[in-house]
């Protein structure tokens, strides 16, 4: 009986458990109107301790650009674009962030929370007290 694979698997358990209690990882996003998969966003912890997310793959078009964006993102590729930043952990949720909706070229105040044991990430974009939620599903 070889014990090395068993010990290695046990050593990975805390890492796997941490990943499910944190938004860090890859998430599939969906169009809120059609329900079709839109992109893969990698959420990471920024240097200042907040959480941010960058599009690492687009699933709806080969090389889309943010033609409705203004400023630095105007006509830039959506792949590689940071669309979520500044989220701070507050209790069991995340708040104080900003989310960019590339299809509209607009930014919104953002809050989020992990659901279903970290398998889903509910990201909200808010204007005043009106918020729209989008459910992201964990890819890794």
N, C-alpha and C. Protein backbone atom coordinates (compact mmCIF):
# COMPACT_ATOMS: atom_id res chain seq x y z
N UNK A 1 0.85 -1.19 0.00
CA UNK A 1 0.00 0.00 0.00
C UNK A 1 0.88 1.24 0.00
N UNK A 2 0.59 2.13 -0.91
CA UNK A 2 1.38 3.36 -1.03
C UNK A 2 0.67 4.48 -0.27
N UNK A 3 1.34 5.04 0.71
CA UNK A 3 0.73 6.05 1.56
C UNK A 3 0.96 7.48 1.05
N UNK A 4 1.95 7.67 0.16
CA UNK A 4 2.27 9.01 -0.32
C UNK A 4 1.10 9.72 -0.99
N UNK A 5 0.35 9.10 -1.92
CA UNK A 5 -0.79 9.81 -2.53
C UNK A 5 -1.84 10.21 -1.50
N UNK A 6 -2.08 9.37 -0.50
CA UNK A 6 -3.04 9.67 0.54
C UNK A 6 -2.61 10.89 1.35
N UNK A 7 -1.35 10.94 1.74
CA UNK A 7 -0.82 12.07 2.50
C UNK A 7 -0.89 13.35 1.67
N UNK A 8 -0.55 13.25 0.38
CA UNK A 8 -0.60 14.41 -0.51
C UNK A 8 -2.04 14.94 -0.62
N UNK A 9 -3.00 14.03 -0.75
CA UNK A 9 -4.41 14.43 -0.84
C UNK A 9 -4.86 15.11 0.45
N UNK A 10 -4.44 14.60 1.59
CA UNK A 10 -4.79 15.24 2.86
C UNK A 10 -4.19 16.63 2.97
N UNK A 11 -2.98 16.80 2.47
CA UNK A 11 -2.34 18.11 2.53
C UNK A 11 -3.08 19.15 1.70
N UNK A 12 -3.78 18.72 0.66
CA UNK A 12 -4.52 19.65 -0.19
C UNK A 12 -5.89 20.02 0.37
N UNK A 13 -6.40 19.29 1.34
CA UNK A 13 -7.72 19.56 1.88
C UNK A 13 -7.89 20.99 2.38
N UNK A 14 -6.97 21.56 3.17
CA UNK A 14 -7.17 22.93 3.63
C UNK A 14 -7.21 23.92 2.47
N UNK A 15 -6.44 23.70 1.42
CA UNK A 15 -6.44 24.59 0.26
C UNK A 15 -7.79 24.53 -0.43
N UNK A 16 -8.34 23.35 -0.62
CA UNK A 16 -9.64 23.19 -1.26
C UNK A 16 -10.74 23.84 -0.42
N UNK A 17 -10.67 23.68 0.87
CA UNK A 17 -11.67 24.29 1.75
C UNK A 17 -11.58 25.80 1.69
N UNK A 18 -10.36 26.35 1.65
CA UNK A 18 -10.19 27.80 1.58
C UNK A 18 -10.78 28.35 0.29
N UNK A 19 -10.55 27.65 -0.81
CA UNK A 19 -11.01 28.12 -2.11
C UNK A 19 -12.53 28.28 -2.13
N UNK A 20 -13.25 27.44 -1.43
CA UNK A 20 -14.70 27.51 -1.43
C UNK A 20 -15.22 28.63 -0.52
N UNK A 21 -14.40 29.13 0.39
CA UNK A 21 -14.81 30.21 1.29
C UNK A 21 -14.30 31.56 0.81
N UNK A 22 -13.75 31.60 -0.37
CA UNK A 22 -13.17 32.81 -0.93
C UNK A 22 -13.65 32.94 -2.37
N UNK A 23 -13.81 34.16 -2.86
CA UNK A 23 -14.19 34.31 -4.27
C UNK A 23 -13.02 34.10 -5.23
N UNK A 24 -11.82 33.90 -4.71
CA UNK A 24 -10.65 33.71 -5.57
C UNK A 24 -10.85 32.47 -6.43
N UNK A 25 -10.68 32.62 -7.72
CA UNK A 25 -10.82 31.51 -8.65
C UNK A 25 -11.39 31.98 -9.97
N UNK A 26 -11.78 31.02 -10.80
CA UNK A 26 -12.34 31.31 -12.12
C UNK A 26 -13.85 31.10 -12.08
N UNK A 27 -14.56 32.06 -12.68
CA UNK A 27 -16.02 32.07 -12.64
C UNK A 27 -16.60 32.25 -14.03
N UNK A 28 -17.65 31.50 -14.33
CA UNK A 28 -18.36 31.68 -15.60
C UNK A 28 -19.48 32.68 -15.37
N UNK A 29 -19.55 33.68 -16.24
CA UNK A 29 -20.60 34.69 -16.16
C UNK A 29 -21.65 34.42 -17.23
N UNK A 30 -22.85 34.93 -17.01
CA UNK A 30 -23.96 34.69 -17.92
C UNK A 30 -24.67 35.99 -18.25
N UNK A 31 -25.16 36.09 -19.47
CA UNK A 31 -25.96 37.24 -19.89
C UNK A 31 -27.28 37.18 -19.13
N UNK A 32 -27.62 38.27 -18.44
CA UNK A 32 -28.83 38.25 -17.60
C UNK A 32 -30.11 38.22 -18.43
N UNK A 33 -30.05 38.60 -19.71
CA UNK A 33 -31.25 38.58 -20.54
C UNK A 33 -31.45 37.24 -21.25
N UNK A 34 -30.37 36.67 -21.79
CA UNK A 34 -30.49 35.42 -22.56
C UNK A 34 -30.15 34.18 -21.74
N UNK A 35 -29.39 34.34 -20.66
CA UNK A 35 -28.95 33.21 -19.84
C UNK A 35 -27.76 32.47 -20.43
N UNK A 36 -27.26 32.93 -21.58
CA UNK A 36 -26.12 32.26 -22.22
C UNK A 36 -24.81 32.65 -21.55
N UNK A 37 -23.87 31.69 -21.54
CA UNK A 37 -22.55 31.95 -20.96
C UNK A 37 -21.89 33.10 -21.72
N UNK A 38 -21.26 34.00 -20.97
CA UNK A 38 -20.69 35.20 -21.57
C UNK A 38 -19.16 35.23 -21.49
N UNK A 39 -18.61 34.90 -20.31
CA UNK A 39 -17.16 34.99 -20.15
C UNK A 39 -16.69 34.17 -18.96
N UNK A 40 -15.38 34.04 -18.88
CA UNK A 40 -14.73 33.46 -17.70
C UNK A 40 -13.96 34.61 -17.07
N UNK A 41 -14.25 34.86 -15.81
CA UNK A 41 -13.60 35.94 -15.05
C UNK A 41 -12.76 35.30 -13.95
N UNK A 42 -11.51 35.75 -13.87
CA UNK A 42 -10.64 35.28 -12.79
C UNK A 42 -10.66 36.32 -11.68
N UNK A 43 -11.17 35.91 -10.51
CA UNK A 43 -11.21 36.78 -9.34
C UNK A 43 -9.94 36.51 -8.53
N UNK A 44 -9.30 37.59 -8.11
CA UNK A 44 -8.04 37.48 -7.37
C UNK A 44 -8.02 38.51 -6.25
N UNK A 45 -7.13 38.28 -5.29
CA UNK A 45 -6.94 39.24 -4.21
C UNK A 45 -5.89 40.25 -4.65
N UNK A 46 -6.27 41.52 -4.67
CA UNK A 46 -5.36 42.59 -5.08
C UNK A 46 -4.35 42.88 -3.98
N UNK A 47 -3.33 43.64 -4.31
CA UNK A 47 -2.27 43.96 -3.35
C UNK A 47 -2.80 44.68 -2.11
N UNK A 48 -3.89 45.45 -2.27
CA UNK A 48 -4.45 46.19 -1.12
C UNK A 48 -5.41 45.36 -0.28
N UNK A 49 -5.55 44.05 -0.62
CA UNK A 49 -6.42 43.16 0.17
C UNK A 49 -7.85 43.11 -0.33
N UNK A 50 -8.21 43.92 -1.32
CA UNK A 50 -9.55 43.85 -1.89
C UNK A 50 -9.57 42.78 -2.98
N UNK A 51 -10.73 42.51 -3.50
CA UNK A 51 -10.86 41.51 -4.55
C UNK A 51 -11.21 42.19 -5.87
N UNK A 52 -10.64 41.64 -6.94
CA UNK A 52 -10.86 42.17 -8.29
C UNK A 52 -11.08 41.00 -9.23
N UNK A 53 -11.62 41.29 -10.41
CA UNK A 53 -11.85 40.25 -11.40
C UNK A 53 -11.51 40.72 -12.80
N UNK A 54 -10.84 39.85 -13.55
CA UNK A 54 -10.41 40.16 -14.91
C UNK A 54 -10.96 39.10 -15.86
N UNK A 55 -11.45 39.54 -17.02
CA UNK A 55 -11.94 38.62 -18.04
C UNK A 55 -10.74 37.89 -18.64
N UNK A 56 -10.75 36.56 -18.56
CA UNK A 56 -9.65 35.79 -19.14
C UNK A 56 -10.10 35.04 -20.40
N UNK A 57 -11.41 35.00 -20.62
CA UNK A 57 -11.92 34.33 -21.82
C UNK A 57 -13.31 34.87 -22.13
N UNK A 58 -13.58 35.15 -23.40
CA UNK A 58 -14.93 35.53 -23.82
C UNK A 58 -15.55 34.33 -24.52
N UNK A 59 -16.82 34.08 -24.24
CA UNK A 59 -17.49 32.89 -24.75
C UNK A 59 -18.55 33.21 -25.81
N UNK A 60 -18.82 34.48 -26.04
CA UNK A 60 -19.90 34.87 -26.94
C UNK A 60 -19.40 35.41 -28.27
N UNK A 61 -18.14 35.78 -28.35
CA UNK A 61 -17.56 36.31 -29.59
C UNK A 61 -16.05 36.10 -29.51
N UNK A 62 -15.41 36.04 -30.66
CA UNK A 62 -13.97 35.74 -30.71
C UNK A 62 -13.11 36.81 -30.04
N UNK A 63 -13.21 38.03 -30.47
CA UNK A 63 -12.36 39.11 -29.94
C UNK A 63 -13.15 40.39 -29.74
N UNK A 64 -14.15 40.39 -28.84
CA UNK A 64 -14.96 41.60 -28.68
C UNK A 64 -14.17 42.74 -28.03
N UNK A 65 -14.58 43.96 -28.39
CA UNK A 65 -13.99 45.15 -27.78
C UNK A 65 -15.09 45.90 -27.03
N UNK A 66 -14.68 46.73 -26.13
CA UNK A 66 -15.63 47.51 -25.33
C UNK A 66 -15.93 48.81 -26.08
N UNK A 67 -16.76 48.71 -27.11
CA UNK A 67 -17.06 49.88 -27.93
C UNK A 67 -17.97 50.89 -27.24
N UNK A 68 -18.67 50.48 -26.18
CA UNK A 68 -19.53 51.41 -25.45
C UNK A 68 -18.82 52.02 -24.24
N UNK A 69 -17.61 51.55 -23.96
CA UNK A 69 -16.85 52.10 -22.84
C UNK A 69 -16.34 53.50 -23.20
N UNK A 70 -16.01 54.24 -22.17
CA UNK A 70 -15.38 55.54 -22.35
C UNK A 70 -14.01 55.49 -21.68
N UNK A 71 -13.23 56.51 -21.88
CA UNK A 71 -11.93 56.60 -21.21
C UNK A 71 -10.95 55.54 -21.68
N UNK A 72 -10.16 55.02 -20.74
CA UNK A 72 -9.07 54.09 -21.06
C UNK A 72 -9.56 52.78 -21.66
N UNK A 73 -10.79 52.37 -21.39
CA UNK A 73 -11.30 51.10 -21.92
C UNK A 73 -11.97 51.22 -23.29
N UNK A 74 -12.10 52.43 -23.81
CA UNK A 74 -12.76 52.65 -25.09
C UNK A 74 -12.09 51.82 -26.19
N UNK A 75 -12.89 50.96 -26.85
CA UNK A 75 -12.44 50.11 -27.96
C UNK A 75 -11.30 49.16 -27.60
N UNK A 76 -11.12 48.89 -26.31
CA UNK A 76 -10.09 47.93 -25.87
C UNK A 76 -10.69 46.53 -25.87
N UNK A 77 -9.85 45.50 -26.04
CA UNK A 77 -10.35 44.12 -25.96
C UNK A 77 -10.94 43.83 -24.58
N UNK A 78 -12.07 43.14 -24.58
CA UNK A 78 -12.70 42.78 -23.30
C UNK A 78 -11.86 41.69 -22.62
N UNK A 79 -11.30 40.79 -23.41
CA UNK A 79 -10.42 39.78 -22.85
C UNK A 79 -9.20 40.49 -22.26
N UNK A 80 -8.94 40.25 -20.98
CA UNK A 80 -7.85 40.92 -20.28
C UNK A 80 -8.29 42.14 -19.50
N UNK A 81 -9.54 42.56 -19.66
CA UNK A 81 -10.06 43.76 -19.00
C UNK A 81 -10.50 43.46 -17.57
N UNK A 82 -10.12 44.33 -16.65
CA UNK A 82 -10.60 44.23 -15.26
C UNK A 82 -12.02 44.78 -15.24
N UNK A 83 -12.97 43.94 -14.81
CA UNK A 83 -14.37 44.37 -14.79
C UNK A 83 -14.94 44.45 -13.37
N UNK A 84 -14.15 44.05 -12.39
CA UNK A 84 -14.59 44.08 -11.00
C UNK A 84 -13.40 44.47 -10.15
N UNK A 85 -13.56 45.44 -9.25
CA UNK A 85 -12.45 45.85 -8.39
C UNK A 85 -12.96 46.49 -7.11
N UNK A 86 -12.11 46.45 -6.11
CA UNK A 86 -12.39 47.14 -4.85
C UNK A 86 -13.33 46.44 -3.89
N UNK A 87 -13.68 45.18 -4.13
CA UNK A 87 -14.58 44.47 -3.20
C UNK A 87 -13.85 44.15 -1.91
N UNK A 88 -14.47 44.52 -0.80
CA UNK A 88 -13.90 44.23 0.52
C UNK A 88 -14.78 43.23 1.24
N UNK A 89 -14.16 42.30 1.94
CA UNK A 89 -14.92 41.33 2.73
C UNK A 89 -15.54 42.05 3.92
N UNK A 90 -16.84 41.90 4.07
CA UNK A 90 -17.57 42.49 5.19
C UNK A 90 -18.49 41.40 5.76
N UNK A 91 -18.01 40.74 6.80
CA UNK A 91 -18.77 39.63 7.37
C UNK A 91 -18.80 38.47 6.40
N UNK A 92 -20.00 38.02 6.03
CA UNK A 92 -20.16 36.91 5.10
C UNK A 92 -20.31 37.38 3.65
N UNK A 93 -20.16 38.66 3.40
CA UNK A 93 -20.38 39.20 2.06
C UNK A 93 -19.19 40.08 1.65
N UNK A 94 -19.34 40.72 0.51
CA UNK A 94 -18.32 41.62 -0.03
C UNK A 94 -19.03 42.88 -0.49
N UNK A 95 -18.41 44.02 -0.24
CA UNK A 95 -19.06 45.29 -0.60
C UNK A 95 -18.01 46.33 -0.93
N UNK A 96 -18.50 47.51 -1.34
CA UNK A 96 -17.61 48.64 -1.59
C UNK A 96 -16.86 48.59 -2.90
N UNK A 97 -17.26 47.68 -3.78
CA UNK A 97 -16.56 47.54 -5.04
C UNK A 97 -17.23 48.27 -6.19
N UNK A 98 -16.64 48.09 -7.36
CA UNK A 98 -17.16 48.63 -8.60
C UNK A 98 -17.16 47.51 -9.63
N UNK A 99 -18.21 47.46 -10.44
CA UNK A 99 -18.28 46.48 -11.51
C UNK A 99 -18.54 47.21 -12.82
N UNK A 100 -17.86 46.77 -13.87
CA UNK A 100 -18.03 47.32 -15.21
C UNK A 100 -18.87 46.34 -16.02
N UNK A 101 -19.89 46.84 -16.67
CA UNK A 101 -20.69 46.02 -17.59
C UNK A 101 -20.26 46.42 -19.00
N UNK A 102 -19.35 45.64 -19.61
CA UNK A 102 -18.81 46.02 -20.91
C UNK A 102 -19.87 46.22 -22.00
N UNK A 103 -20.95 45.43 -21.97
CA UNK A 103 -21.97 45.56 -23.01
C UNK A 103 -22.68 46.92 -22.96
N UNK A 104 -22.65 47.57 -21.81
CA UNK A 104 -23.26 48.89 -21.66
C UNK A 104 -22.21 49.99 -21.53
N UNK A 105 -20.97 49.58 -21.25
CA UNK A 105 -19.90 50.56 -21.06
C UNK A 105 -20.06 51.38 -19.80
N UNK A 106 -20.77 50.84 -18.82
CA UNK A 106 -21.06 51.58 -17.60
C UNK A 106 -20.51 50.87 -16.38
N UNK A 107 -20.18 51.65 -15.35
CA UNK A 107 -19.75 51.08 -14.07
C UNK A 107 -20.84 51.31 -13.03
N UNK A 108 -20.86 50.39 -12.07
CA UNK A 108 -21.86 50.42 -11.01
C UNK A 108 -21.20 50.10 -9.68
N UNK A 109 -21.78 50.60 -8.61
CA UNK A 109 -21.33 50.18 -7.28
C UNK A 109 -21.62 48.70 -7.18
N UNK A 110 -20.74 47.97 -6.50
CA UNK A 110 -20.89 46.52 -6.48
C UNK A 110 -20.83 45.94 -5.08
N UNK A 111 -21.58 44.87 -4.93
CA UNK A 111 -21.51 44.04 -3.73
C UNK A 111 -21.66 42.61 -4.20
N UNK A 112 -21.29 41.66 -3.38
CA UNK A 112 -21.34 40.26 -3.80
C UNK A 112 -21.42 39.35 -2.59
N UNK A 113 -21.77 38.09 -2.86
CA UNK A 113 -21.76 37.09 -1.80
C UNK A 113 -21.63 35.70 -2.42
N UNK A 114 -20.96 34.85 -1.68
CA UNK A 114 -20.81 33.45 -2.09
C UNK A 114 -22.05 32.68 -1.66
N UNK A 115 -22.49 31.78 -2.52
CA UNK A 115 -23.67 30.97 -2.23
C UNK A 115 -23.35 29.50 -2.50
N UNK A 116 -24.18 28.62 -1.99
CA UNK A 116 -24.06 27.18 -2.20
C UNK A 116 -22.66 26.66 -1.91
N UNK A 117 -22.14 27.04 -0.75
CA UNK A 117 -20.83 26.55 -0.33
C UNK A 117 -19.69 27.04 -1.19
N UNK A 118 -19.85 28.20 -1.82
CA UNK A 118 -18.80 28.76 -2.65
C UNK A 118 -18.86 28.34 -4.10
N UNK A 119 -19.92 27.64 -4.50
CA UNK A 119 -20.06 27.21 -5.90
C UNK A 119 -20.63 28.30 -6.78
N UNK A 120 -21.32 29.27 -6.16
CA UNK A 120 -21.90 30.39 -6.91
C UNK A 120 -21.49 31.70 -6.26
N UNK A 121 -21.38 32.72 -7.09
CA UNK A 121 -20.98 34.06 -6.64
C UNK A 121 -22.02 35.03 -7.19
N UNK A 122 -22.83 35.59 -6.30
CA UNK A 122 -23.86 36.53 -6.71
C UNK A 122 -23.25 37.93 -6.69
N UNK A 123 -23.10 38.52 -7.87
CA UNK A 123 -22.49 39.84 -8.01
C UNK A 123 -23.60 40.82 -8.36
N UNK A 124 -23.67 41.92 -7.61
CA UNK A 124 -24.70 42.94 -7.83
C UNK A 124 -24.07 44.23 -8.31
N UNK A 125 -24.72 44.85 -9.28
CA UNK A 125 -24.37 46.19 -9.72
C UNK A 125 -25.50 47.11 -9.30
N UNK A 126 -25.16 48.21 -8.63
CA UNK A 126 -26.20 49.05 -8.04
C UNK A 126 -26.09 50.51 -8.48
N UNK A 127 -27.25 51.12 -8.68
CA UNK A 127 -27.39 52.56 -8.88
C UNK A 127 -28.34 53.01 -7.78
N UNK A 128 -27.82 53.84 -6.88
CA UNK A 128 -28.59 54.26 -5.71
C UNK A 128 -28.96 53.00 -4.91
N UNK A 129 -30.23 52.75 -4.68
CA UNK A 129 -30.63 51.57 -3.91
C UNK A 129 -31.18 50.46 -4.82
N UNK A 130 -31.14 50.67 -6.12
CA UNK A 130 -31.64 49.67 -7.07
C UNK A 130 -30.45 48.83 -7.56
N UNK A 131 -30.55 47.52 -7.34
CA UNK A 131 -29.47 46.61 -7.71
C UNK A 131 -29.98 45.51 -8.63
N UNK A 132 -29.10 45.10 -9.55
CA UNK A 132 -29.35 43.94 -10.40
C UNK A 132 -28.30 42.91 -10.07
N UNK A 133 -28.74 41.68 -9.87
CA UNK A 133 -27.83 40.60 -9.53
C UNK A 133 -27.51 39.77 -10.76
N UNK A 134 -26.30 39.23 -10.75
CA UNK A 134 -25.88 38.27 -11.77
C UNK A 134 -25.24 37.11 -11.03
N UNK A 135 -25.62 35.90 -11.39
CA UNK A 135 -25.08 34.72 -10.73
C UNK A 135 -23.93 34.15 -11.56
N UNK A 136 -22.76 34.06 -10.95
CA UNK A 136 -21.59 33.47 -11.59
C UNK A 136 -21.41 32.08 -11.01
N UNK A 137 -20.94 31.13 -11.81
CA UNK A 137 -20.71 29.78 -11.32
C UNK A 137 -19.20 29.49 -11.33
N UNK A 138 -18.76 28.80 -10.29
CA UNK A 138 -17.33 28.52 -10.14
C UNK A 138 -16.86 27.53 -11.20
N UNK A 139 -15.76 27.87 -11.84
CA UNK A 139 -15.10 26.99 -12.79
C UNK A 139 -13.92 26.30 -12.13
N UNK A 140 -13.22 27.01 -11.23
CA UNK A 140 -12.09 26.42 -10.48
C UNK A 140 -11.78 27.27 -9.28
